[in-house]
Amino acid sequence: EQERRETLQTHSHYFRHELKKLGFHIGESTTHIVPI
């Protein structure tokens, strides 16, 4: 079920991008684990 991985990657990229755009410090995250 490759689509599960693809969906997770899409969500992760979007979430990181939006948090950074808002001005939050998310460190060096490039994955589905995203700290503020």
ModelCIF file with pLDDT and N, C-alpha, C, O atoms, coordinates in Angstrom:
data_MODEL
#
_entry.id   MODEL 
#
_entity.id                         1 
_entity.type                       polymer 
_entity.pdbx_number_of_molecules   1 
#
_entity_poly.entity_id                      1 
_entity_poly.type                           'polypeptide(L)' 
_entity_poly.nstd_linkage                   no 
_entity_poly.nstd_monomer                   no 
_entity_poly.pdbx_seq_one_letter_code       EQERRETLQTHSHYFRHELKKLGFHIGESTTHIVPI 
_entity_poly.pdbx_seq_one_letter_code_can   EQERRETLQTHSHYFRHELKKLGFHIGESTTHIVPI 
_entity_poly.pdbx_strand_id                 A 
#
loop_
_entity_poly_seq.entity_id 
_entity_poly_seq.num 
_entity_poly_seq.mon_id 
_entity_poly_seq.hetero 
1 1  GLU n 
1 2  GLN n 
1 3  GLU n 
1 4  ARG n 
1 5  ARG n 
1 6  GLU n 
1 7  THR n 
1 8  LEU n 
1 9  GLN n 
1 10 THR n 
1 11 HIS n 
1 12 SER n 
1 13 HIS n 
1 14 TYR n 
1 15 PHE n 
1 16 ARG n 
1 17 HIS n 
1 18 GLU n 
1 19 LEU n 
1 20 LYS n 
1 21 LYS n 
1 22 LEU n 
1 23 GLY n 
1 24 PHE n 
1 25 HIS n 
1 26 ILE n 
1 27 GLY n 
1 28 GLU n 
1 29 SER n 
1 30 THR n 
1 31 THR n 
1 32 HIS n 
1 33 ILE n 
1 34 VAL n 
1 35 PRO n 
1 36 ILE n 
#
_struct_asym.id          A 
_struct_asym.entity_id   1 
#
loop_
_ma_qa_metric.id 
_ma_qa_metric.mode 
_ma_qa_metric.name 
_ma_qa_metric.software_group_id 
_ma_qa_metric.type 
1 global pLDDT . pLDDT 
2 local  pLDDT . pLDDT 
#
_ma_qa_metric_global.metric_id      1 
_ma_qa_metric_global.metric_value   97.86 
_ma_qa_metric_global.model_id       1 
_ma_qa_metric_global.ordinal_id     1 
#
loop_
_ma_qa_metric_local.label_asym_id 
_ma_qa_metric_local.label_comp_id 
_ma_qa_metric_local.label_seq_id 
_ma_qa_metric_local.metric_id 
_ma_qa_metric_local.metric_value 
_ma_qa_metric_local.model_id 
_ma_qa_metric_local.ordinal_id 
A GLU 1  2 97.00 1 1  
A GLN 2  2 97.00 1 2  
A GLU 3  2 97.00 1 3  
A ARG 4  2 98.00 1 4  
A ARG 5  2 98.00 1 5  
A GLU 6  2 98.00 1 6  
A THR 7  2 98.00 1 7  
A LEU 8  2 98.00 1 8  
A GLN 9  2 98.00 1 9  
A THR 10 2 98.00 1 10 
A HIS 11 2 98.00 1 11 
A SER 12 2 98.00 1 12 
A HIS 13 2 98.00 1 13 
A TYR 14 2 98.00 1 14 
A PHE 15 2 98.00 1 15 
A ARG 16 2 98.00 1 16 
A HIS 17 2 98.00 1 17 
A GLU 18 2 98.00 1 18 
A LEU 19 2 98.00 1 19 
A LYS 20 2 98.00 1 20 
A LYS 21 2 98.00 1 21 
A LEU 22 2 98.00 1 22 
A GLY 23 2 98.00 1 23 
A PHE 24 2 98.00 1 24 
A HIS 25 2 98.00 1 25 
A ILE 26 2 98.00 1 26 
A GLY 27 2 97.00 1 27 
A GLU 28 2 97.00 1 28 
A SER 29 2 98.00 1 29 
A THR 30 2 98.00 1 30 
A THR 31 2 98.00 1 31 
A HIS 32 2 98.00 1 32 
A ILE 33 2 98.00 1 33 
A VAL 34 2 98.00 1 34 
A PRO 35 2 98.00 1 35 
A ILE 36 2 98.00 1 36 
#
loop_
_atom_site.group_PDB 
_atom_site.id 
_atom_site.type_symbol 
_atom_site.label_atom_id 
_atom_site.label_alt_id 
_atom_site.label_comp_id 
_atom_site.label_asym_id 
_atom_site.label_entity_id 
_atom_site.label_seq_id 
_atom_site.pdbx_PDB_ins_code 
_atom_site.Cartn_x 
_atom_site.Cartn_y 
_atom_site.Cartn_z 
_atom_site.occupancy 
_atom_site.B_iso_or_equiv 
_atom_site.pdbx_formal_charge 
_atom_site.auth_seq_id 
_atom_site.auth_comp_id 
_atom_site.auth_asym_id 
_atom_site.auth_atom_id 
_atom_site.pdbx_PDB_model_num 
ATOM 1   N N  . GLU A 1 1  ? 0.833  -1.198 0.000  1.00 97.00 ? 1  GLU A N  1 
ATOM 2   C CA . GLU A 1 1  ? 0.000  0.000  0.000  1.00 97.00 ? 1  GLU A CA 1 
ATOM 3   C C  . GLU A 1 1  ? 0.869  1.250  0.000  1.00 97.00 ? 1  GLU A C  1 
ATOM 4   O O  . GLU A 1 1  ? 0.941  1.987  0.984  1.00 97.00 ? 1  GLU A O  1 
ATOM 5   N N  . GLN A 1 2  ? 1.523  1.462  -1.130 1.00 97.00 ? 2  GLN A N  1 
ATOM 6   C CA . GLN A 1 2  ? 2.441  2.587  -1.315 1.00 97.00 ? 2  GLN A CA 1 
ATOM 7   C C  . GLN A 1 2  ? 1.747  3.930  -1.098 1.00 97.00 ? 2  GLN A C  1 
ATOM 8   O O  . GLN A 1 2  ? 2.387  4.897  -0.683 1.00 97.00 ? 2  GLN A O  1 
ATOM 9   N N  . GLU A 1 3  ? 0.452  3.996  -1.374 1.00 97.00 ? 3  GLU A N  1 
ATOM 10  C CA . GLU A 1 3  ? -0.265 5.271  -1.254 1.00 97.00 ? 3  GLU A CA 1 
ATOM 11  C C  . GLU A 1 3  ? -0.236 5.810  0.170  1.00 97.00 ? 3  GLU A C  1 
ATOM 12  O O  . GLU A 1 3  ? -0.305 7.024  0.365  1.00 97.00 ? 3  GLU A O  1 
ATOM 13  N N  . ARG A 1 4  ? -0.138 4.946  1.155  1.00 98.00 ? 4  ARG A N  1 
ATOM 14  C CA . ARG A 1 4  ? -0.038 5.430  2.541  1.00 98.00 ? 4  ARG A CA 1 
ATOM 15  C C  . ARG A 1 4  ? 1.245  6.228  2.729  1.00 98.00 ? 4  ARG A C  1 
ATOM 16  O O  . ARG A 1 4  ? 1.232  7.298  3.338  1.00 98.00 ? 4  ARG A O  1 
ATOM 17  N N  . ARG A 1 5  ? 2.360  5.706  2.202  1.00 98.00 ? 5  ARG A N  1 
ATOM 18  C CA . ARG A 1 5  ? 3.631  6.425  2.311  1.00 98.00 ? 5  ARG A CA 1 
ATOM 19  C C  . ARG A 1 5  ? 3.593  7.734  1.533  1.00 98.00 ? 5  ARG A C  1 
ATOM 20  O O  . ARG A 1 5  ? 4.088  8.760  2.001  1.00 98.00 ? 5  ARG A O  1 
ATOM 21  N N  . GLU A 1 6  ? 3.008  7.691  0.354  1.00 98.00 ? 6  GLU A N  1 
ATOM 22  C CA . GLU A 1 6  ? 2.938  8.900  -0.468 1.00 98.00 ? 6  GLU A CA 1 
ATOM 23  C C  . GLU A 1 6  ? 2.103  9.984  0.213  1.00 98.00 ? 6  GLU A C  1 
ATOM 24  O O  . GLU A 1 6  ? 2.472  11.158 0.205  1.00 98.00 ? 6  GLU A O  1 
ATOM 25  N N  . THR A 1 7  ? 0.987  9.586  0.795  1.00 98.00 ? 7  THR A N  1 
ATOM 26  C CA . THR A 1 7  ? 0.145  10.558 1.511  1.00 98.00 ? 7  THR A CA 1 
ATOM 27  C C  . THR A 1 7  ? 0.884  11.155 2.698  1.00 98.00 ? 7  THR A C  1 
ATOM 28  O O  . THR A 1 7  ? 0.808  12.360 2.940  1.00 98.00 ? 7  THR A O  1 
ATOM 29  N N  . LEU A 1 8  ? 1.599  10.313 3.442  1.00 98.00 ? 8  LEU A N  1 
ATOM 30  C CA . LEU A 1 8  ? 2.358  10.805 4.597  1.00 98.00 ? 8  LEU A CA 1 
ATOM 31  C C  . LEU A 1 8  ? 3.412  11.808 4.158  1.00 98.00 ? 8  LEU A C  1 
ATOM 32  O O  . LEU A 1 8  ? 3.578  12.846 4.799  1.00 98.00 ? 8  LEU A O  1 
ATOM 33  N N  . GLN A 1 9  ? 4.124  11.520 3.084  1.00 98.00 ? 9  GLN A N  1 
ATOM 34  C CA . GLN A 1 9  ? 5.153  12.441 2.601  1.00 98.00 ? 9  GLN A CA 1 
ATOM 35  C C  . GLN A 1 9  ? 4.539  13.772 2.155  1.00 98.00 ? 9  GLN A C  1 
ATOM 36  O O  . GLN A 1 9  ? 5.094  14.837 2.423  1.00 98.00 ? 9  GLN A O  1 
ATOM 37  N N  . THR A 1 10 ? 3.399  13.702 1.478  1.00 98.00 ? 10 THR A N  1 
ATOM 38  C CA . THR A 1 10 ? 2.709  14.932 1.048  1.00 98.00 ? 10 THR A CA 1 
ATOM 39  C C  . THR A 1 10 ? 2.282  15.762 2.251  1.00 98.00 ? 10 THR A C  1 
ATOM 40  O O  . THR A 1 10 ? 2.513  16.971 2.290  1.00 98.00 ? 10 THR A O  1 
ATOM 41  N N  . HIS A 1 11 ? 1.663  15.116 3.228  1.00 98.00 ? 11 HIS A N  1 
ATOM 42  C CA . HIS A 1 11 ? 1.247  15.820 4.443  1.00 98.00 ? 11 HIS A CA 1 
ATOM 43  C C  . HIS A 1 11 ? 2.440  16.458 5.148  1.00 98.00 ? 11 HIS A C  1 
ATOM 44  O O  . HIS A 1 11 ? 2.374  17.607 5.584  1.00 98.00 ? 11 HIS A O  1 
ATOM 45  N N  . SER A 1 12 ? 3.529  15.701 5.253  1.00 98.00 ? 12 SER A N  1 
ATOM 46  C CA . SER A 1 12 ? 4.704  16.170 5.996  1.00 98.00 ? 12 SER A CA 1 
ATOM 47  C C  . SER A 1 12 ? 5.312  17.403 5.350  1.00 98.00 ? 12 SER A C  1 
ATOM 48  O O  . SER A 1 12 ? 5.632  18.377 6.032  1.00 98.00 ? 12 SER A O  1 
ATOM 49  N N  . HIS A 1 13 ? 5.470  17.360 4.042  1.00 98.00 ? 13 HIS A N  1 
ATOM 50  C CA . HIS A 1 13 ? 6.036  18.507 3.320  1.00 98.00 ? 13 HIS A CA 1 
ATOM 51  C C  . HIS A 1 13 ? 5.156  19.735 3.487  1.00 98.00 ? 13 HIS A C  1 
ATOM 52  O O  . HIS A 1 13 ? 5.657  20.830 3.741  1.00 98.00 ? 13 HIS A O  1 
ATOM 53  N N  . TYR A 1 14 ? 3.874  19.561 3.349  1.00 98.00 ? 14 TYR A N  1 
ATOM 54  C CA . TYR A 1 14 ? 2.930  20.680 3.468  1.00 98.00 ? 14 TYR A CA 1 
ATOM 55  C C  . TYR A 1 14 ? 2.960  21.269 4.874  1.00 98.00 ? 14 TYR A C  1 
ATOM 56  O O  . TYR A 1 14 ? 3.014  22.488 5.035  1.00 98.00 ? 14 TYR A O  1 
ATOM 57  N N  . PHE A 1 15 ? 2.925  20.419 5.882  1.00 98.00 ? 15 PHE A N  1 
ATOM 58  C CA . PHE A 1 15 ? 2.876  20.874 7.279  1.00 98.00 ? 15 PHE A CA 1 
ATOM 59  C C  . PHE A 1 15 ? 4.146  21.639 7.645  1.00 98.00 ? 15 PHE A C  1 
ATOM 60  O O  . PHE A 1 15 ? 4.079  22.701 8.264  1.00 98.00 ? 15 PHE A O  1 
ATOM 61  N N  . ARG A 1 16 ? 5.299  21.101 7.263  1.00 98.00 ? 16 ARG A N  1 
ATOM 62  C CA . ARG A 1 16 ? 6.564  21.792 7.548  1.00 98.00 ? 16 ARG A CA 1 
ATOM 63  C C  . ARG A 1 16 ? 6.602  23.150 6.858  1.00 98.00 ? 16 ARG A C  1 
ATOM 64  O O  . ARG A 1 16 ? 6.976  24.155 7.463  1.00 98.00 ? 16 ARG A O  1 
ATOM 65  N N  . HIS A 1 17 ? 6.214  23.170 5.594  1.00 98.00 ? 17 HIS A N  1 
ATOM 66  C CA . HIS A 1 17 ? 6.243  24.404 4.811  1.00 98.00 ? 17 HIS A CA 1 
ATOM 67  C C  . HIS A 1 17 ? 5.356  25.466 5.434  1.00 98.00 ? 17 HIS A C  1 
ATOM 68  O O  . HIS A 1 17 ? 5.759  26.624 5.547  1.00 98.00 ? 17 HIS A O  1 
ATOM 69  N N  . GLU A 1 18 ? 4.150  25.085 5.841  1.00 98.00 ? 18 GLU A N  1 
ATOM 70  C CA . GLU A 1 18 ? 3.210  26.052 6.400  1.00 98.00 ? 18 GLU A CA 1 
ATOM 71  C C  . GLU A 1 18 ? 3.670  26.564 7.763  1.00 98.00 ? 18 GLU A C  1 
ATOM 72  O O  . GLU A 1 18 ? 3.512  27.751 8.050  1.00 98.00 ? 18 GLU A O  1 
ATOM 73  N N  . LEU A 1 19 ? 4.229  25.711 8.601  1.00 98.00 ? 19 LEU A N  1 
ATOM 74  C CA . LEU A 1 19 ? 4.721  26.151 9.913  1.00 98.00 ? 19 LEU A CA 1 
ATOM 75  C C  . LEU A 1 19 ? 5.874  27.143 9.745  1.00 98.00 ? 19 LEU A C  1 
ATOM 76  O O  . LEU A 1 19 ? 5.932  28.157 10.440 1.00 98.00 ? 19 LEU A O  1 
ATOM 77  N N  . LYS A 1 20 ? 6.781  26.848 8.830  1.00 98.00 ? 20 LYS A N  1 
ATOM 78  C CA . LYS A 1 20 ? 7.894  27.778 8.594  1.00 98.00 ? 20 LYS A CA 1 
ATOM 79  C C  . LYS A 1 20 ? 7.385  29.105 8.050  1.00 98.00 ? 20 LYS A C  1 
ATOM 80  O O  . LYS A 1 20 ? 7.881  30.166 8.429  1.00 98.00 ? 20 LYS A O  1 
ATOM 81  N N  . LYS A 1 21 ? 6.405  29.048 7.171  1.00 98.00 ? 21 LYS A N  1 
ATOM 82  C CA . LYS A 1 21 ? 5.835  30.268 6.605  1.00 98.00 ? 21 LYS A CA 1 
ATOM 83  C C  . LYS A 1 21 ? 5.191  31.126 7.694  1.00 98.00 ? 21 LYS A C  1 
ATOM 84  O O  . LYS A 1 21 ? 5.213  32.355 7.621  1.00 98.00 ? 21 LYS A O  1 
ATOM 85  N N  . LEU A 1 22 ? 4.620  30.470 8.701  1.00 98.00 ? 22 LEU A N  1 
ATOM 86  C CA . LEU A 1 22 ? 4.009  31.198 9.814  1.00 98.00 ? 22 LEU A CA 1 
ATOM 87  C C  . LEU A 1 22 ? 5.047  31.822 10.743 1.00 98.00 ? 22 LEU A C  1 
ATOM 88  O O  . LEU A 1 22 ? 4.729  32.729 11.513 1.00 98.00 ? 22 LEU A O  1 
ATOM 89  N N  . GLY A 1 23 ? 6.288  31.337 10.672 1.00 98.00 ? 23 GLY A N  1 
ATOM 90  C CA . GLY A 1 23 ? 7.344  31.901 11.503 1.00 98.00 ? 23 GLY A CA 1 
ATOM 91  C C  . GLY A 1 23 ? 7.791  31.012 12.643 1.00 98.00 ? 23 GLY A C  1 
ATOM 92  O O  . GLY A 1 23 ? 8.579  31.451 13.481 1.00 98.00 ? 23 GLY A O  1 
ATOM 93  N N  . PHE A 1 24 ? 7.315  29.770 12.708 1.00 98.00 ? 24 PHE A N  1 
ATOM 94  C CA . PHE A 1 24 ? 7.735  28.853 13.766 1.00 98.00 ? 24 PHE A CA 1 
ATOM 95  C C  . PHE A 1 24 ? 9.121  28.286 13.477 1.00 98.00 ? 24 PHE A C  1 
ATOM 96  O O  . PHE A 1 24 ? 9.515  28.132 12.321 1.00 98.00 ? 24 PHE A O  1 
ATOM 97  N N  . HIS A 1 25 ? 9.852  27.978 14.545 1.00 98.00 ? 25 HIS A N  1 
ATOM 98  C CA . HIS A 1 25 ? 11.176 27.375 14.443 1.00 98.00 ? 25 HIS A CA 1 
ATOM 99  C C  . HIS A 1 25 ? 11.009 25.857 14.484 1.00 98.00 ? 25 HIS A C  1 
ATOM 100 O O  . HIS A 1 25 ? 10.672 25.307 15.532 1.00 98.00 ? 25 HIS A O  1 
ATOM 101 N N  . ILE A 1 26 ? 11.235 25.174 13.368 1.00 98.00 ? 26 ILE A N  1 
ATOM 102 C CA . ILE A 1 26 ? 11.053 23.723 13.325 1.00 98.00 ? 26 ILE A CA 1 
ATOM 103 C C  . ILE A 1 26 ? 12.384 22.980 13.190 1.00 98.00 ? 26 ILE A C  1 
ATOM 104 O O  . ILE A 1 26 ? 12.397 21.800 12.841 1.00 98.00 ? 26 ILE A O  1 
ATOM 105 N N  . GLY A 1 27 ? 13.480 23.644 13.457 1.00 97.00 ? 27 GLY A N  1 
ATOM 106 C CA . GLY A 1 27 ? 14.777 22.999 13.404 1.00 97.00 ? 27 GLY A CA 1 
ATOM 107 C C  . GLY A 1 27 ? 15.123 22.532 12.006 1.00 97.00 ? 27 GLY A C  1 
ATOM 108 O O  . GLY A 1 27 ? 14.856 23.226 11.025 1.00 97.00 ? 27 GLY A O  1 
ATOM 109 N N  . GLU A 1 28 ? 15.728 21.328 11.917 1.00 97.00 ? 28 GLU A N  1 
ATOM 110 C CA . GLU A 1 28 ? 16.179 20.788 10.630 1.00 97.00 ? 28 GLU A CA 1 
ATOM 111 C C  . GLU A 1 28 ? 15.288 19.659 10.144 1.00 97.00 ? 28 GLU A C  1 
ATOM 112 O O  . GLU A 1 28 ? 15.723 18.835 9.339  1.00 97.00 ? 28 GLU A O  1 
ATOM 113 N N  . SER A 1 29 ? 14.069 19.605 10.611 1.00 98.00 ? 29 SER A N  1 
ATOM 114 C CA . SER A 1 29 ? 13.179 18.503 10.239 1.00 98.00 ? 29 SER A CA 1 
ATOM 115 C C  . SER A 1 29 ? 12.971 18.425 8.731  1.00 98.00 ? 29 SER A C  1 
ATOM 116 O O  . SER A 1 29 ? 12.744 19.433 8.063  1.00 98.00 ? 29 SER A O  1 
ATOM 117 N N  . THR A 1 30 ? 13.056 17.194 8.211  1.00 98.00 ? 30 THR A N  1 
ATOM 118 C CA . THR A 1 30 ? 12.750 16.943 6.799  1.00 98.00 ? 30 THR A CA 1 
ATOM 119 C C  . THR A 1 30 ? 11.794 15.755 6.669  1.00 98.00 ? 30 THR A C  1 
ATOM 120 O O  . THR A 1 30 ? 11.638 15.199 5.581  1.00 98.00 ? 30 THR A O  1 
ATOM 121 N N  . THR A 1 31 ? 11.156 15.369 7.771  1.00 98.00 ? 31 THR A N  1 
ATOM 122 C CA . THR A 1 31 ? 10.357 14.141 7.785  1.00 98.00 ? 31 THR A CA 1 
ATOM 123 C C  . THR A 1 31 ? 8.975  14.403 8.390  1.00 98.00 ? 31 THR A C  1 
ATOM 124 O O  . THR A 1 31 ? 8.547  15.549 8.525  1.00 98.00 ? 31 THR A O  1 
ATOM 125 N N  . HIS A 1 32 ? 8.300  13.327 8.745  1.00 98.00 ? 32 HIS A N  1 
ATOM 126 C CA . HIS A 1 32 ? 6.974  13.369 9.338  1.00 98.00 ? 32 HIS A CA 1 
ATOM 127 C C  . HIS A 1 32 ? 6.993  13.729 10.817 1.00 98.00 ? 32 HIS A C  1 
ATOM 128 O O  . HIS A 1 32 ? 5.935  13.920 11.417 1.00 98.00 ? 32 HIS A O  1 
ATOM 129 N N  . ILE A 1 33 ? 8.168  13.824 11.410 1.00 98.00 ? 33 ILE A N  1 
ATOM 130 C CA . ILE A 1 33 ? 8.329  14.318 12.784 1.00 98.00 ? 33 ILE A CA 1 
ATOM 131 C C  . ILE A 1 33 ? 8.704  15.792 12.690 1.00 98.00 ? 33 ILE A C  1 
ATOM 132 O O  . ILE A 1 33 ? 9.755  16.140 12.151 1.00 98.00 ? 33 ILE A O  1 
ATOM 133 N N  . VAL A 1 34 ? 7.835  16.657 13.220 1.00 98.00 ? 34 VAL A N  1 
ATOM 134 C CA . VAL A 1 34 ? 8.015  18.103 13.035 1.00 98.00 ? 34 VAL A CA 1 
ATOM 135 C C  . VAL A 1 34 ? 7.928  18.797 14.395 1.00 98.00 ? 34 VAL A C  1 
ATOM 136 O O  . VAL A 1 34 ? 6.837  18.917 14.952 1.00 98.00 ? 34 VAL A O  1 
ATOM 137 N N  . PRO A 1 35 ? 9.053  19.254 14.937 1.00 98.00 ? 35 PRO A N  1 
ATOM 138 C CA . PRO A 1 35 ? 8.989  19.969 16.207 1.00 98.00 ? 35 PRO A CA 1 
ATOM 139 C C  . PRO A 1 35 ? 8.742  21.462 16.006 1.00 98.00 ? 35 PRO A C  1 
ATOM 140 O O  . PRO A 1 35 ? 9.152  22.044 15.002 1.00 98.00 ? 35 PRO A O  1 
ATOM 141 N N  . ILE A 1 36 ? 8.072  22.061 16.969 1.00 98.00 ? 36 ILE A N  1 
ATOM 142 C CA . ILE A 1 36 ? 8.114  23.520 17.123 1.00 98.00 ? 36 ILE A CA 1 
ATOM 143 C C  . ILE A 1 36 ? 8.954  23.767 18.367 1.00 98.00 ? 36 ILE A C  1 
ATOM 144 O O  . ILE A 1 36 ? 9.166  24.917 18.751 1.00 98.00 ? 36 ILE A O  1 
#
